[in-house]
Amino acid sequence: MRALILDTTVLIDAVRGRPAAARLRDLASRREVLLTTAINAEEIIRGLRPSEQAVADALFSAIRVLPVREPDARRAGVWRREHAARGITLHQADCLIGAVTAGIGARLATGNPKDFPMPEVTVEEWPPGS
């Protein structure tokens, strides 16, 4: 299974009709499995403009939203602890998104690859606005 988890930056661009929207339609037409996480869904819903609600609803009905499971939470906690021991602060949300991605062996599409320094996470950089 070729699965791609969409990070918040990619989802924002898709909702706002930027080139990412066409790129996602193309991937879907080629049977790419498009996913996101409950963390990303919350981030999108929190920041929606009223004019974006219908597009966001359509997007979320077209992709699967994955939960954060207990093994994902454990992996995220280990990453945060290990990085903190080296003086690197990782955000909880990014670690949880990365852990879900690594847990299913998917790739992560994001405009912020620096937020995912974990070697177990395969990152595809989708620069914001592209």
Protein backbone atom coordinates (compact mmCIF):
# COMPACT_ATOMS: atom_id res chain seq x y z
CA MET A 1 0.00 0.00 0.00
CA ARG A 2 1.35 3.40 -0.98
CA ALA A 3 -0.01 5.60 1.77
CA LEU A 4 0.61 9.29 2.21
CA ILE A 5 -0.28 11.13 5.40
CA LEU A 6 -1.11 14.79 4.81
CA ASP A 7 0.23 17.20 7.39
CA THR A 8 -1.58 20.40 8.28
CA THR A 9 0.42 22.60 5.88
CA VAL A 10 -0.65 20.44 2.93
CA LEU A 11 -4.27 20.34 4.09
CA ILE A 12 -4.37 24.13 4.47
CA ASP A 13 -3.04 24.57 0.94
CA ALA A 14 -5.62 22.09 -0.40
CA VAL A 15 -8.50 23.80 1.40
CA ARG A 16 -7.38 27.17 0.09
CA GLY A 17 -7.25 25.96 -3.52
CA ARG A 18 -3.49 26.22 -3.89
CA PRO A 19 -1.60 23.83 -6.20
CA ALA A 20 -1.59 21.13 -3.50
CA ALA A 21 -5.30 20.60 -4.23
CA ALA A 22 -4.60 19.58 -7.83
CA ARG A 23 -1.65 17.47 -6.72
CA LEU A 24 -3.88 15.57 -4.28
CA ARG A 25 -6.55 15.01 -6.94
CA ASP A 26 -3.85 13.58 -9.21
CA LEU A 27 -2.55 11.27 -6.49
CA ALA A 28 -6.07 10.09 -5.69
CA SER A 29 -6.71 9.34 -9.39
CA ARG A 30 -3.59 7.14 -9.31
CA ARG A 31 -5.01 5.22 -6.32
CA GLU A 32 -2.63 6.73 -3.78
CA VAL A 33 -4.06 6.19 -0.31
CA LEU A 34 -4.46 9.68 1.18
CA LEU A 35 -4.69 9.91 4.95
CA THR A 36 -4.33 12.37 7.76
CA THR A 37 -4.42 12.13 11.54
CA ALA A 38 -6.88 13.27 14.16
CA ILE A 39 -4.25 15.81 15.26
CA ASN A 40 -4.18 17.38 11.79
CA ALA A 41 -7.96 17.37 11.55
CA GLU A 42 -8.18 19.32 14.81
CA GLU A 43 -5.60 21.83 13.63
CA ILE A 44 -7.51 22.42 10.38
CA ILE A 45 -10.92 22.72 12.05
CA ARG A 46 -9.51 25.14 14.63
CA GLY A 47 -8.16 27.48 11.94
CA LEU A 48 -10.95 27.31 9.35
CA ARG A 49 -12.34 30.47 7.87
CA PRO A 50 -16.14 30.34 7.46
CA SER A 51 -15.77 30.34 3.66
CA GLU A 52 -13.56 27.22 3.85
CA GLN A 53 -15.96 24.96 5.75
CA ALA A 54 -17.55 23.26 2.71
CA VAL A 55 -14.19 22.58 1.07
CA ALA A 56 -12.78 21.19 4.32
CA ASP A 57 -15.83 18.95 4.75
CA ALA A 58 -15.36 17.60 1.21
CA LEU A 59 -11.66 17.02 1.80
CA PHE A 60 -12.21 15.15 5.04
CA SER A 61 -14.89 12.99 3.41
CA ALA A 62 -12.39 12.04 0.67
CA ILE A 63 -9.53 10.98 2.97
CA ARG A 64 -9.32 8.77 6.02
CA VAL A 65 -8.53 10.33 9.38
CA LEU A 66 -6.38 8.05 11.52
CA PRO A 67 -6.57 7.97 15.32
CA VAL A 68 -3.60 8.22 17.63
CA ARG A 69 -3.21 4.80 19.25
CA GLU A 70 -1.40 3.88 22.44
CA PRO A 71 1.72 2.56 20.62
CA ASP A 72 1.87 5.87 18.72
CA ALA A 73 1.69 7.80 21.97
CA ARG A 74 4.52 5.71 23.42
CA ARG A 75 6.71 6.24 20.35
CA ALA A 76 6.03 9.99 20.40
CA GLY A 77 6.94 10.16 24.08
CA VAL A 78 10.21 8.33 23.50
CA TRP A 79 11.12 10.70 20.66
CA ARG A 80 10.39 13.78 22.76
CA ARG A 81 12.38 12.42 25.68
CA GLU A 82 15.36 11.39 23.53
CA HIS A 83 15.48 14.69 21.66
CA ALA A 84 15.06 16.70 24.87
CA ALA A 85 18.08 14.89 26.32
CA ARG A 86 20.05 16.36 23.40
CA GLY A 87 18.61 19.83 23.94
CA ILE A 88 16.12 19.61 21.06
CA THR A 89 12.50 20.51 21.70
CA LEU A 90 9.95 18.67 19.59
CA HIS A 91 6.28 19.58 19.65
CA GLN A 92 3.83 17.04 20.97
CA ALA A 93 1.56 17.28 17.92
CA ASP A 94 4.44 16.72 15.48
CA CYS A 95 5.66 13.69 17.42
CA LEU A 96 2.17 12.18 17.47
CA ILE A 97 1.70 12.80 13.73
CA GLY A 98 5.13 11.32 13.04
CA ALA A 99 4.41 8.30 15.22
CA VAL A 100 1.15 7.54 13.43
CA THR A 101 3.00 7.85 10.10
CA ALA A 102 5.84 5.57 11.17
CA GLY A 103 3.42 3.14 12.77
CA ILE A 104 1.72 2.33 9.47
CA GLY A 105 4.84 2.66 7.31
CA ALA A 106 3.46 5.63 5.38
CA ARG A 107 5.14 8.75 4.04
CA LEU A 108 4.39 12.21 5.45
CA ALA A 109 3.70 15.16 3.15
CA THR A 110 4.54 18.40 4.94
CA GLY A 111 5.72 21.93 4.35
CA ASN A 112 7.73 21.72 7.57
CA PRO A 113 10.18 18.81 7.22
CA LYS A 114 12.40 20.19 9.99
CA ASP A 115 9.60 19.43 12.46
CA PHE A 116 10.04 15.70 11.79
CA PRO A 117 13.71 14.82 12.42
CA MET A 118 12.85 11.30 13.50
CA PRO A 119 14.69 8.80 11.26
CA GLU A 120 11.67 6.46 11.28
CA VAL A 121 9.53 9.08 9.49
CA THR A 122 9.80 9.27 5.70
CA VAL A 123 9.11 12.91 4.83
CA GLU A 124 8.08 14.36 1.45
CA GLU A 125 8.55 18.10 1.41
CA TRP A 126 5.60 19.98 -0.08
CA PRO A 127 6.63 23.63 0.26
CA PRO A 128 3.71 25.82 1.39
CA GLY A 129 1.81 27.28 -1.53
CA SER A 130 2.99 24.62 -3.98
